[in-house]
Amino acid sequence: QGHVQLISNLVDYDMPLQRALDEPRWRYREDGHLALEPHFDDDVA
């Protein structure tokens, strides 16, 4: 999941390396939840 997000940040959104890693990430969990890091905008959630 991290590979997908990092590659997209670099390829689709042309981010510098450090920003591509620092951006908040999401992850799909085995219990069916979509987990978000705290830095996501509340509107996105």
ModelCIF file with pLDDT and N, C-alpha, C, O atoms, coordinates in Angstrom:
data_MODEL
#
_entry.id   MODEL 
#
_entity.id                         1 
_entity.type                       polymer 
_entity.pdbx_number_of_molecules   1 
#
_entity_poly.entity_id                      1 
_entity_poly.type                           'polypeptide(L)' 
_entity_poly.nstd_linkage                   no 
_entity_poly.nstd_monomer                   no 
_entity_poly.pdbx_seq_one_letter_code       QGHVQLISNLVDYDMPLQRALDEPRWRYREDGHLALEPHFDDDVA 
_entity_poly.pdbx_seq_one_letter_code_can   QGHVQLISNLVDYDMPLQRALDEPRWRYREDGHLALEPHFDDDVA 
_entity_poly.pdbx_strand_id                 A 
#
loop_
_entity_poly_seq.entity_id 
_entity_poly_seq.num 
_entity_poly_seq.mon_id 
_entity_poly_seq.hetero 
1 1  GLN n 
1 2  GLY n 
1 3  HIS n 
1 4  VAL n 
1 5  GLN n 
1 6  LEU n 
1 7  ILE n 
1 8  SER n 
1 9  ASN n 
1 10 LEU n 
1 11 VAL n 
1 12 ASP n 
1 13 TYR n 
1 14 ASP n 
1 15 MET n 
1 16 PRO n 
1 17 LEU n 
1 18 GLN n 
1 19 ARG n 
1 20 ALA n 
1 21 LEU n 
1 22 ASP n 
1 23 GLU n 
1 24 PRO n 
1 25 ARG n 
1 26 TRP n 
1 27 ARG n 
1 28 TYR n 
1 29 ARG n 
1 30 GLU n 
1 31 ASP n 
1 32 GLY n 
1 33 HIS n 
1 34 LEU n 
1 35 ALA n 
1 36 LEU n 
1 37 GLU n 
1 38 PRO n 
1 39 HIS n 
1 40 PHE n 
1 41 ASP n 
1 42 ASP n 
1 43 ASP n 
1 44 VAL n 
1 45 ALA n 
#
_struct_asym.id          A 
_struct_asym.entity_id   1 
#
loop_
_ma_qa_metric.id 
_ma_qa_metric.mode 
_ma_qa_metric.name 
_ma_qa_metric.software_group_id 
_ma_qa_metric.type 
1 global pLDDT . pLDDT 
2 local  pLDDT . pLDDT 
#
_ma_qa_metric_global.metric_id      1 
_ma_qa_metric_global.metric_value   94.00 
_ma_qa_metric_global.model_id       1 
_ma_qa_metric_global.ordinal_id     1 
#
loop_
_ma_qa_metric_local.label_asym_id 
_ma_qa_metric_local.label_comp_id 
_ma_qa_metric_local.label_seq_id 
_ma_qa_metric_local.metric_id 
_ma_qa_metric_local.metric_value 
_ma_qa_metric_local.model_id 
_ma_qa_metric_local.ordinal_id 
A GLN 1  2 96.00 1 1  
A GLY 2  2 96.00 1 2  
A HIS 3  2 98.00 1 3  
A VAL 4  2 98.00 1 4  
A GLN 5  2 98.00 1 5  
A LEU 6  2 98.00 1 6  
A ILE 7  2 98.00 1 7  
A SER 8  2 98.00 1 8  
A ASN 9  2 98.00 1 9  
A LEU 10 2 98.00 1 10 
A VAL 11 2 98.00 1 11 
A ASP 12 2 98.00 1 12 
A TYR 13 2 98.00 1 13 
A ASP 14 2 97.00 1 14 
A MET 15 2 96.00 1 15 
A PRO 16 2 95.00 1 16 
A LEU 17 2 96.00 1 17 
A GLN 18 2 95.00 1 18 
A ARG 19 2 94.00 1 19 
A ALA 20 2 96.00 1 20 
A LEU 21 2 94.00 1 21 
A ASP 22 2 92.00 1 22 
A GLU 23 2 94.00 1 23 
A PRO 24 2 93.00 1 24 
A ARG 25 2 95.00 1 25 
A TRP 26 2 96.00 1 26 
A ARG 27 2 94.00 1 27 
A TYR 28 2 93.00 1 28 
A ARG 29 2 89.00 1 29 
A GLU 30 2 85.00 1 30 
A ASP 31 2 86.00 1 31 
A GLY 32 2 88.00 1 32 
A HIS 33 2 92.00 1 33 
A LEU 34 2 95.00 1 34 
A ALA 35 2 95.00 1 35 
A LEU 36 2 96.00 1 36 
A GLU 37 2 93.00 1 37 
A PRO 38 2 89.00 1 38 
A HIS 39 2 86.00 1 39 
A PHE 40 2 91.00 1 40 
A ASP 41 2 87.00 1 41 
A ASP 42 2 83.00 1 42 
A ASP 43 2 94.00 1 43 
A VAL 44 2 96.00 1 44 
A ALA 45 2 95.00 1 45 
#
loop_
_atom_site.group_PDB 
_atom_site.id 
_atom_site.type_symbol 
_atom_site.label_atom_id 
_atom_site.label_alt_id 
_atom_site.label_comp_id 
_atom_site.label_asym_id 
_atom_site.label_entity_id 
_atom_site.label_seq_id 
_atom_site.pdbx_PDB_ins_code 
_atom_site.Cartn_x 
_atom_site.Cartn_y 
_atom_site.Cartn_z 
_atom_site.occupancy 
_atom_site.B_iso_or_equiv 
_atom_site.pdbx_formal_charge 
_atom_site.auth_seq_id 
_atom_site.auth_comp_id 
_atom_site.auth_asym_id 
_atom_site.auth_atom_id 
_atom_site.pdbx_PDB_model_num 
ATOM 1   N N  . GLN A 1 1  ? 0.831   -1.200 0.000   1.00 96.00 ? 1  GLN A N  1 
ATOM 2   C CA . GLN A 1 1  ? 0.000   0.000  0.000   1.00 96.00 ? 1  GLN A CA 1 
ATOM 3   C C  . GLN A 1 1  ? 0.868   1.253  0.000   1.00 96.00 ? 1  GLN A C  1 
ATOM 4   O O  . GLN A 1 1  ? 0.554   2.243  -0.661  1.00 96.00 ? 1  GLN A O  1 
ATOM 5   N N  . GLY A 1 2  ? 1.971   1.193  0.756   1.00 96.00 ? 2  GLY A N  1 
ATOM 6   C CA . GLY A 1 2  ? 2.903   2.308  0.763   1.00 96.00 ? 2  GLY A CA 1 
ATOM 7   C C  . GLY A 1 2  ? 3.601   2.483  -0.558  1.00 96.00 ? 2  GLY A C  1 
ATOM 8   O O  . GLY A 1 2  ? 3.827   3.613  -0.991  1.00 96.00 ? 2  GLY A O  1 
ATOM 9   N N  . HIS A 1 3  ? 3.954   1.379  -1.220  1.00 98.00 ? 3  HIS A N  1 
ATOM 10  C CA . HIS A 1 3  ? 4.581   1.466  -2.543  1.00 98.00 ? 3  HIS A CA 1 
ATOM 11  C C  . HIS A 1 3  ? 3.667   2.194  -3.530  1.00 98.00 ? 3  HIS A C  1 
ATOM 12  O O  . HIS A 1 3  ? 4.103   3.076  -4.270  1.00 98.00 ? 3  HIS A O  1 
ATOM 13  N N  . VAL A 1 4  ? 2.405   1.810  -3.524  1.00 98.00 ? 4  VAL A N  1 
ATOM 14  C CA . VAL A 1 4  ? 1.438   2.431  -4.434  1.00 98.00 ? 4  VAL A CA 1 
ATOM 15  C C  . VAL A 1 4  ? 1.351   3.933  -4.186  1.00 98.00 ? 4  VAL A C  1 
ATOM 16  O O  . VAL A 1 4  ? 1.362   4.719  -5.134  1.00 98.00 ? 4  VAL A O  1 
ATOM 17  N N  . GLN A 1 5  ? 1.265   4.336  -2.930  1.00 98.00 ? 5  GLN A N  1 
ATOM 18  C CA . GLN A 1 5  ? 1.103   5.756  -2.618  1.00 98.00 ? 5  GLN A CA 1 
ATOM 19  C C  . GLN A 1 5  ? 2.363   6.553  -2.938  1.00 98.00 ? 5  GLN A C  1 
ATOM 20  O O  . GLN A 1 5  ? 2.282   7.669  -3.450  1.00 98.00 ? 5  GLN A O  1 
ATOM 21  N N  . LEU A 1 6  ? 3.523   5.983  -2.639  1.00 98.00 ? 6  LEU A N  1 
ATOM 22  C CA . LEU A 1 6  ? 4.764   6.686  -2.923  1.00 98.00 ? 6  LEU A CA 1 
ATOM 23  C C  . LEU A 1 6  ? 4.961   6.865  -4.423  1.00 98.00 ? 6  LEU A C  1 
ATOM 24  O O  . LEU A 1 6  ? 5.295   7.959  -4.878  1.00 98.00 ? 6  LEU A O  1 
ATOM 25  N N  . ILE A 1 7  ? 4.758   5.793  -5.198  1.00 98.00 ? 7  ILE A N  1 
ATOM 26  C CA . ILE A 1 7  ? 4.925   5.898  -6.647  1.00 98.00 ? 7  ILE A CA 1 
ATOM 27  C C  . ILE A 1 7  ? 3.945   6.909  -7.236  1.00 98.00 ? 7  ILE A C  1 
ATOM 28  O O  . ILE A 1 7  ? 4.318   7.701  -8.101  1.00 98.00 ? 7  ILE A O  1 
ATOM 29  N N  . SER A 1 8  ? 2.718   6.888  -6.781  1.00 98.00 ? 8  SER A N  1 
ATOM 30  C CA . SER A 1 8  ? 1.739   7.855  -7.284  1.00 98.00 ? 8  SER A CA 1 
ATOM 31  C C  . SER A 1 8  ? 2.125   9.288  -6.927  1.00 98.00 ? 8  SER A C  1 
ATOM 32  O O  . SER A 1 8  ? 2.011   10.190 -7.757  1.00 98.00 ? 8  SER A O  1 
ATOM 33  N N  . ASN A 1 9  ? 2.582   9.498  -5.687  1.00 98.00 ? 9  ASN A N  1 
ATOM 34  C CA . ASN A 1 9  ? 2.996   10.845 -5.289  1.00 98.00 ? 9  ASN A CA 1 
ATOM 35  C C  . ASN A 1 9  ? 4.091   11.388 -6.196  1.00 98.00 ? 9  ASN A C  1 
ATOM 36  O O  . ASN A 1 9  ? 4.089   12.567 -6.549  1.00 98.00 ? 9  ASN A O  1 
ATOM 37  N N  . LEU A 1 10 ? 5.023   10.522 -6.570  1.00 98.00 ? 10 LEU A N  1 
ATOM 38  C CA . LEU A 1 10 ? 6.142   10.947 -7.406  1.00 98.00 ? 10 LEU A CA 1 
ATOM 39  C C  . LEU A 1 10 ? 5.755   11.083 -8.862  1.00 98.00 ? 10 LEU A C  1 
ATOM 40  O O  . LEU A 1 10 ? 6.174   12.030 -9.527  1.00 98.00 ? 10 LEU A O  1 
ATOM 41  N N  . VAL A 1 11 ? 4.959   10.150 -9.371  1.00 98.00 ? 11 VAL A N  1 
ATOM 42  C CA . VAL A 1 11 ? 4.648   10.101 -10.805 1.00 98.00 ? 11 VAL A CA 1 
ATOM 43  C C  . VAL A 1 11 ? 3.445   10.969 -11.160 1.00 98.00 ? 11 VAL A C  1 
ATOM 44  O O  . VAL A 1 11 ? 3.499   11.755 -12.105 1.00 98.00 ? 11 VAL A O  1 
ATOM 45  N N  . ASP A 1 12 ? 2.364   10.825 -10.405 1.00 98.00 ? 12 ASP A N  1 
ATOM 46  C CA . ASP A 1 12 ? 1.130   11.544 -10.740 1.00 98.00 ? 12 ASP A CA 1 
ATOM 47  C C  . ASP A 1 12 ? 1.146   12.997 -10.277 1.00 98.00 ? 12 ASP A C  1 
ATOM 48  O O  . ASP A 1 12 ? 0.557   13.869 -10.916 1.00 98.00 ? 12 ASP A O  1 
ATOM 49  N N  . TYR A 1 13 ? 1.830   13.249 -9.153  1.00 98.00 ? 13 TYR A N  1 
ATOM 50  C CA . TYR A 1 13 ? 1.737   14.577 -8.541  1.00 98.00 ? 13 TYR A CA 1 
ATOM 51  C C  . TYR A 1 13 ? 3.079   15.300 -8.481  1.00 98.00 ? 13 TYR A C  1 
ATOM 52  O O  . TYR A 1 13 ? 3.180   16.382 -7.902  1.00 98.00 ? 13 TYR A O  1 
ATOM 53  N N  . ASP A 1 14 ? 4.109   14.699 -9.081  1.00 97.00 ? 14 ASP A N  1 
ATOM 54  C CA . ASP A 1 14 ? 5.415   15.359 -9.257  1.00 97.00 ? 14 ASP A CA 1 
ATOM 55  C C  . ASP A 1 14 ? 5.950   15.944 -7.956  1.00 97.00 ? 14 ASP A C  1 
ATOM 56  O O  . ASP A 1 14 ? 6.436   17.074 -7.937  1.00 97.00 ? 14 ASP A O  1 
ATOM 57  N N  . MET A 1 15 ? 5.863   15.185 -6.876  1.00 96.00 ? 15 MET A N  1 
ATOM 58  C CA . MET A 1 15 ? 6.334   15.687 -5.590  1.00 96.00 ? 15 MET A CA 1 
ATOM 59  C C  . MET A 1 15 ? 7.836   15.491 -5.441  1.00 96.00 ? 15 MET A C  1 
ATOM 60  O O  . MET A 1 15 ? 8.384   14.518 -5.959  1.00 96.00 ? 15 MET A O  1 
ATOM 61  N N  . PRO A 1 16 ? 8.510   16.397 -4.742  1.00 95.00 ? 16 PRO A N  1 
ATOM 62  C CA . PRO A 1 16 ? 9.894   16.142 -4.341  1.00 95.00 ? 16 PRO A CA 1 
ATOM 63  C C  . PRO A 1 16 ? 9.936   14.911 -3.437  1.00 95.00 ? 16 PRO A C  1 
ATOM 64  O O  . PRO A 1 16 ? 8.921   14.542 -2.845  1.00 95.00 ? 16 PRO A O  1 
ATOM 65  N N  . LEU A 1 17 ? 11.100  14.277 -3.329  1.00 96.00 ? 17 LEU A N  1 
ATOM 66  C CA . LEU A 1 17 ? 11.196  13.027 -2.594  1.00 96.00 ? 17 LEU A CA 1 
ATOM 67  C C  . LEU A 1 17 ? 10.688  13.146 -1.158  1.00 96.00 ? 17 LEU A C  1 
ATOM 68  O O  . LEU A 1 17 ? 9.895   12.321 -0.704  1.00 96.00 ? 17 LEU A O  1 
ATOM 69  N N  . GLN A 1 18 ? 11.148  14.176 -0.448  1.00 95.00 ? 18 GLN A N  1 
ATOM 70  C CA . GLN A 1 18 ? 10.782  14.272 0.955   1.00 95.00 ? 18 GLN A CA 1 
ATOM 71  C C  . GLN A 1 18 ? 9.284   14.486 1.143   1.00 95.00 ? 18 GLN A C  1 
ATOM 72  O O  . GLN A 1 18 ? 8.673   13.882 2.025   1.00 95.00 ? 18 GLN A O  1 
ATOM 73  N N  . ARG A 1 19 ? 8.702   15.335 0.327   1.00 94.00 ? 19 ARG A N  1 
ATOM 74  C CA . ARG A 1 19 ? 7.270   15.557 0.454   1.00 94.00 ? 19 ARG A CA 1 
ATOM 75  C C  . ARG A 1 19 ? 6.488   14.288 0.114   1.00 94.00 ? 19 ARG A C  1 
ATOM 76  O O  . ARG A 1 19 ? 5.462   14.006 0.732   1.00 94.00 ? 19 ARG A O  1 
ATOM 77  N N  . ALA A 1 20 ? 6.970   13.525 -0.864  1.00 96.00 ? 20 ALA A N  1 
ATOM 78  C CA . ALA A 1 20 ? 6.280   12.298 -1.260  1.00 96.00 ? 20 ALA A CA 1 
ATOM 79  C C  . ALA A 1 20 ? 6.202   11.306 -0.100  1.00 96.00 ? 20 ALA A C  1 
ATOM 80  O O  . ALA A 1 20 ? 5.255   10.527 -0.002  1.00 96.00 ? 20 ALA A O  1 
ATOM 81  N N  . LEU A 1 21 ? 7.201   11.344 0.771   1.00 94.00 ? 21 LEU A N  1 
ATOM 82  C CA . LEU A 1 21 ? 7.191   10.466 1.936   1.00 94.00 ? 21 LEU A CA 1 
ATOM 83  C C  . LEU A 1 21 ? 6.409   11.052 3.104   1.00 94.00 ? 21 LEU A C  1 
ATOM 84  O O  . LEU A 1 21 ? 5.802   10.316 3.883   1.00 94.00 ? 21 LEU A O  1 
ATOM 85  N N  . ASP A 1 22 ? 6.422   12.370 3.223   1.00 92.00 ? 22 ASP A N  1 
ATOM 86  C CA . ASP A 1 22 ? 5.789   13.020 4.378   1.00 92.00 ? 22 ASP A CA 1 
ATOM 87  C C  . ASP A 1 22 ? 4.272   13.112 4.280   1.00 92.00 ? 22 ASP A C  1 
ATOM 88  O O  . ASP A 1 22 ? 3.590   13.193 5.301   1.00 92.00 ? 22 ASP A O  1 
ATOM 89  N N  . GLU A 1 23 ? 3.742   13.102 3.069   1.00 94.00 ? 23 GLU A N  1 
ATOM 90  C CA . GLU A 1 23 ? 2.287   13.235 2.929   1.00 94.00 ? 23 GLU A CA 1 
ATOM 91  C C  . GLU A 1 23 ? 1.570   12.131 3.706   1.00 94.00 ? 23 GLU A C  1 
ATOM 92  O O  . GLU A 1 23 ? 2.035   10.991 3.721   1.00 94.00 ? 23 GLU A O  1 
ATOM 93  N N  . PRO A 1 24 ? 0.449   12.451 4.350   1.00 93.00 ? 24 PRO A N  1 
ATOM 94  C CA . PRO A 1 24 ? -0.266  11.440 5.136   1.00 93.00 ? 24 PRO A CA 1 
ATOM 95  C C  . PRO A 1 24 ? -0.729  10.271 4.264   1.00 93.00 ? 24 PRO A C  1 
ATOM 96  O O  . PRO A 1 24 ? -1.117  10.442 3.109   1.00 93.00 ? 24 PRO A O  1 
ATOM 97  N N  . ARG A 1 25 ? -0.675  9.093  4.854   1.00 95.00 ? 25 ARG A N  1 
ATOM 98  C CA . ARG A 1 25 ? -1.007  7.886  4.114   1.00 95.00 ? 25 ARG A CA 1 
ATOM 99  C C  . ARG A 1 25 ? -2.307  7.268  4.627   1.00 95.00 ? 25 ARG A C  1 
ATOM 100 O O  . ARG A 1 25 ? -2.756  7.550  5.738   1.00 95.00 ? 25 ARG A O  1 
ATOM 101 N N  . TRP A 1 26 ? -2.888  6.432  3.800   1.00 96.00 ? 26 TRP A N  1 
ATOM 102 C CA . TRP A 1 26 ? -4.044  5.639  4.166   1.00 96.00 ? 26 TRP A CA 1 
ATOM 103 C C  . TRP A 1 26 ? -3.630  4.174  4.117   1.00 96.00 ? 26 TRP A C  1 
ATOM 104 O O  . TRP A 1 26 ? -2.598  3.843  3.533   1.00 96.00 ? 26 TRP A O  1 
ATOM 105 N N  . ARG A 1 27 ? -4.408  3.311  4.714   1.00 94.00 ? 27 ARG A N  1 
ATOM 106 C CA . ARG A 1 27 ? -4.176  1.873  4.573   1.00 94.00 ? 27 ARG A CA 1 
ATOM 107 C C  . ARG A 1 27 ? -5.466  1.109  4.779   1.00 94.00 ? 27 ARG A C  1 
ATOM 108 O O  . ARG A 1 27 ? -6.243  1.393  5.691   1.00 94.00 ? 27 ARG A O  1 
ATOM 109 N N  . TYR A 1 28 ? -5.674  0.143  3.921   1.00 93.00 ? 28 TYR A N  1 
ATOM 110 C CA . TYR A 1 28 ? -6.826  -0.739 4.052   1.00 93.00 ? 28 TYR A CA 1 
ATOM 111 C C  . TYR A 1 28 ? -6.490  -1.832 5.058   1.00 93.00 ? 28 TYR A C  1 
ATOM 112 O O  . TYR A 1 28 ? -5.426  -2.447 4.993   1.00 93.00 ? 28 TYR A O  1 
ATOM 113 N N  . ARG A 1 29 ? -7.409  -2.065 5.987   1.00 89.00 ? 29 ARG A N  1 
ATOM 114 C CA . ARG A 1 29 ? -7.173  -3.018 7.071   1.00 89.00 ? 29 ARG A CA 1 
ATOM 115 C C  . ARG A 1 29 ? -7.965  -4.307 6.837   1.00 89.00 ? 29 ARG A C  1 
ATOM 116 O O  . ARG A 1 29 ? -8.988  -4.309 6.153   1.00 89.00 ? 29 ARG A O  1 
ATOM 117 N N  . GLU A 1 30 ? -7.467  -5.403 7.422   1.00 85.00 ? 30 GLU A N  1 
ATOM 118 C CA . GLU A 1 30 ? -8.122  -6.691 7.216   1.00 85.00 ? 30 GLU A CA 1 
ATOM 119 C C  . GLU A 1 30 ? -9.545  -6.724 7.764   1.00 85.00 ? 30 GLU A C  1 
ATOM 120 O O  . GLU A 1 30 ? -10.359 -7.524 7.303   1.00 85.00 ? 30 GLU A O  1 
ATOM 121 N N  . ASP A 1 31 ? -9.864  -5.859 8.749   1.00 86.00 ? 31 ASP A N  1 
ATOM 122 C CA . ASP A 1 31 ? -11.218 -5.855 9.303   1.00 86.00 ? 31 ASP A CA 1 
ATOM 123 C C  . ASP A 1 31 ? -12.186 -5.041 8.465   1.00 86.00 ? 31 ASP A C  1 
ATOM 124 O O  . ASP A 1 31 ? -13.336 -4.835 8.852   1.00 86.00 ? 31 ASP A O  1 
ATOM 125 N N  . GLY A 1 32 ? -11.712 -4.578 7.306   1.00 88.00 ? 32 GLY A N  1 
ATOM 126 C CA . GLY A 1 32 ? -12.575 -3.821 6.404   1.00 88.00 ? 32 GLY A CA 1 
ATOM 127 C C  . GLY A 1 32 ? -12.536 -2.327 6.584   1.00 88.00 ? 32 GLY A C  1 
ATOM 128 O O  . GLY A 1 32 ? -13.169 -1.598 5.821   1.00 88.00 ? 32 GLY A O  1 
ATOM 129 N N  . HIS A 1 33 ? -11.804 -1.847 7.582   1.00 92.00 ? 33 HIS A N  1 
ATOM 130 C CA . HIS A 1 33 ? -11.693 -0.408 7.797   1.00 92.00 ? 33 HIS A CA 1 
ATOM 131 C C  . HIS A 1 33 ? -10.678 0.216  6.839   1.00 92.00 ? 33 HIS A C  1 
ATOM 132 O O  . HIS A 1 33 ? -9.699  -0.422 6.452   1.00 92.00 ? 33 HIS A O  1 
ATOM 133 N N  . LEU A 1 34 ? -10.922 1.440  6.473   1.00 95.00 ? 34 LEU A N  1 
ATOM 134 C CA . LEU A 1 34 ? -9.960  2.253  5.746   1.00 95.00 ? 34 LEU A CA 1 
ATOM 135 C C  . LEU A 1 34 ? -9.367  3.216  6.763   1.00 95.00 ? 34 LEU A C  1 
ATOM 136 O O  . LEU A 1 34 ? -10.035 4.153  7.202   1.00 95.00 ? 34 LEU A O  1 
ATOM 137 N N  . ALA A 1 35 ? -8.120  2.987  7.134   1.00 95.00 ? 35 ALA A N  1 
ATOM 138 C CA . ALA A 1 35 ? -7.478  3.798  8.148   1.00 95.00 ? 35 ALA A CA 1 
ATOM 139 C C  . ALA A 1 35 ? -6.783  4.998  7.523   1.00 95.00 ? 35 ALA A C  1 
ATOM 140 O O  . ALA A 1 35 ? -6.189  4.891  6.451   1.00 95.00 ? 35 ALA A O  1 
ATOM 141 N N  . LEU A 1 36 ? -6.861  6.141  8.197   1.00 96.00 ? 36 LEU A N  1 
ATOM 142 C CA . LEU A 1 36 ? -6.222  7.369  7.738   1.00 96.00 ? 36 LEU A CA 1 
ATOM 143 C C  . LEU A 1 36 ? -5.284  7.887  8.815   1.00 96.00 ? 36 LEU A C  1 
ATOM 144 O O  . LEU A 1 36 ? -5.549  7.742  10.008  1.00 96.00 ? 36 LEU A O  1 
ATOM 145 N N  . GLU A 1 37 ? -4.186  8.491  8.385   1.00 93.00 ? 37 GLU A N  1 
ATOM 146 C CA . GLU A 1 37 ? -3.329  9.198  9.329   1.00 93.00 ? 37 GLU A CA 1 
ATOM 147 C C  . GLU A 1 37 ? -4.039  10.462 9.818   1.00 93.00 ? 37 GLU A C  1 
ATOM 148 O O  . GLU A 1 37 ? -4.914  10.984 9.127   1.00 93.00 ? 37 GLU A O  1 
ATOM 149 N N  . PRO A 1 38 ? -3.672  10.954 10.994  1.00 89.00 ? 38 PRO A N  1 
ATOM 150 C CA . PRO A 1 38 ? -4.371  12.110 11.571  1.00 89.00 ? 38 PRO A CA 1 
ATOM 151 C C  . PRO A 1 38 ? -4.306  13.371 10.725  1.00 89.00 ? 38 PRO A C  1 
ATOM 152 O O  . PRO A 1 38 ? -5.162  14.243 10.869  1.00 89.00 ? 38 PRO A O  1 
ATOM 153 N N  . HIS A 1 39 ? -3.312  13.496 9.842   1.00 86.00 ? 39 HIS A N  1 
ATOM 154 C CA . HIS A 1 39 ? -3.133  14.747 9.107   1.00 86.00 ? 39 HIS A CA 1 
ATOM 155 C C  . HIS A 1 39 ? -4.085  14.915 7.923   1.00 86.00 ? 39 HIS A C  1 
ATOM 156 O O  . HIS A 1 39 ? -4.074  15.955 7.265   1.00 86.00 ? 39 HIS A O  1 
ATOM 157 N N  . PHE A 1 40 ? -4.910  13.901 7.647   1.00 91.00 ? 40 PHE A N  1 
ATOM 158 C CA . PHE A 1 40 ? -5.907  14.068 6.588   1.00 91.00 ? 40 PHE A CA 1 
ATOM 159 C C  . PHE A 1 40 ? -6.944  15.108 7.005   1.00 91.00 ? 40 PHE A C  1 
ATOM 160 O O  . PHE A 1 40 ? -7.266  15.249 8.185   1.00 91.00 ? 40 PHE A O  1 
ATOM 161 N N  . ASP A 1 41 ? -7.451  15.820 6.025   1.00 87.00 ? 41 ASP A N  1 
ATOM 162 C CA . ASP A 1 41 ? -8.510  16.793 6.268   1.00 87.00 ? 41 ASP A CA 1 
ATOM 163 C C  . ASP A 1 41 ? -9.776  16.067 6.712   1.00 87.00 ? 41 ASP A C  1 
ATOM 164 O O  . ASP A 1 41 ? -10.127 15.028 6.153   1.00 87.00 ? 41 ASP A O  1 
ATOM 165 N N  . ASP A 1 42 ? -10.453 16.606 7.704   1.00 83.00 ? 42 ASP A N  1 
ATOM 166 C CA . ASP A 1 42 ? -11.678 15.987 8.204   1.00 83.00 ? 42 ASP A CA 1 
ATOM 167 C C  . ASP A 1 42 ? -12.717 15.826 7.105   1.00 83.00 ? 42 ASP A C  1 
ATOM 168 O O  . ASP A 1 42 ? -13.513 14.888 7.139   1.00 83.00 ? 42 ASP A O  1 
ATOM 169 N N  . ASP A 1 43 ? -12.717 16.730 6.131   1.00 94.00 ? 43 ASP A N  1 
ATOM 170 C CA . ASP A 1 43 ? -13.674 16.664 5.042   1.00 94.00 ? 43 ASP A CA 1 
ATOM 171 C C  . ASP A 1 43 ? -13.461 15.418 4.200   1.00 94.00 ? 43 ASP A C  1 
ATOM 172 O O  . ASP A 1 43 ? -14.423 14.822 3.715   1.00 94.00 ? 43 ASP A O  1 
ATOM 173 N N  . VAL A 1 44 ? -12.192 15.018 4.020   1.00 96.00 ? 44 VAL A N  1 
ATOM 174 C CA . VAL A 1 44 ? -11.888 13.806 3.256   1.00 96.00 ? 44 VAL A CA 1 
ATOM 175 C C  . VAL A 1 44 ? -12.474 12.593 3.962   1.00 96.00 ? 44 VAL A C  1 
ATOM 176 O O  . VAL A 1 44 ? -13.099 11.748 3.321   1.00 96.00 ? 44 VAL A O  1 
ATOM 177 N N  . ALA A 1 45 ? -12.283 12.496 5.257   1.00 95.00 ? 45 ALA A N  1 
ATOM 178 C CA . ALA A 1 45 ? -12.808 11.367 6.016   1.00 95.00 ? 45 ALA A CA 1 
ATOM 179 C C  . ALA A 1 45 ? -14.327 11.289 5.921   1.00 95.00 ? 45 ALA A C  1 
ATOM 180 O O  . ALA A 1 45 ? -14.937 10.393 6.504   1.00 95.00 ? 45 ALA A O  1 
#
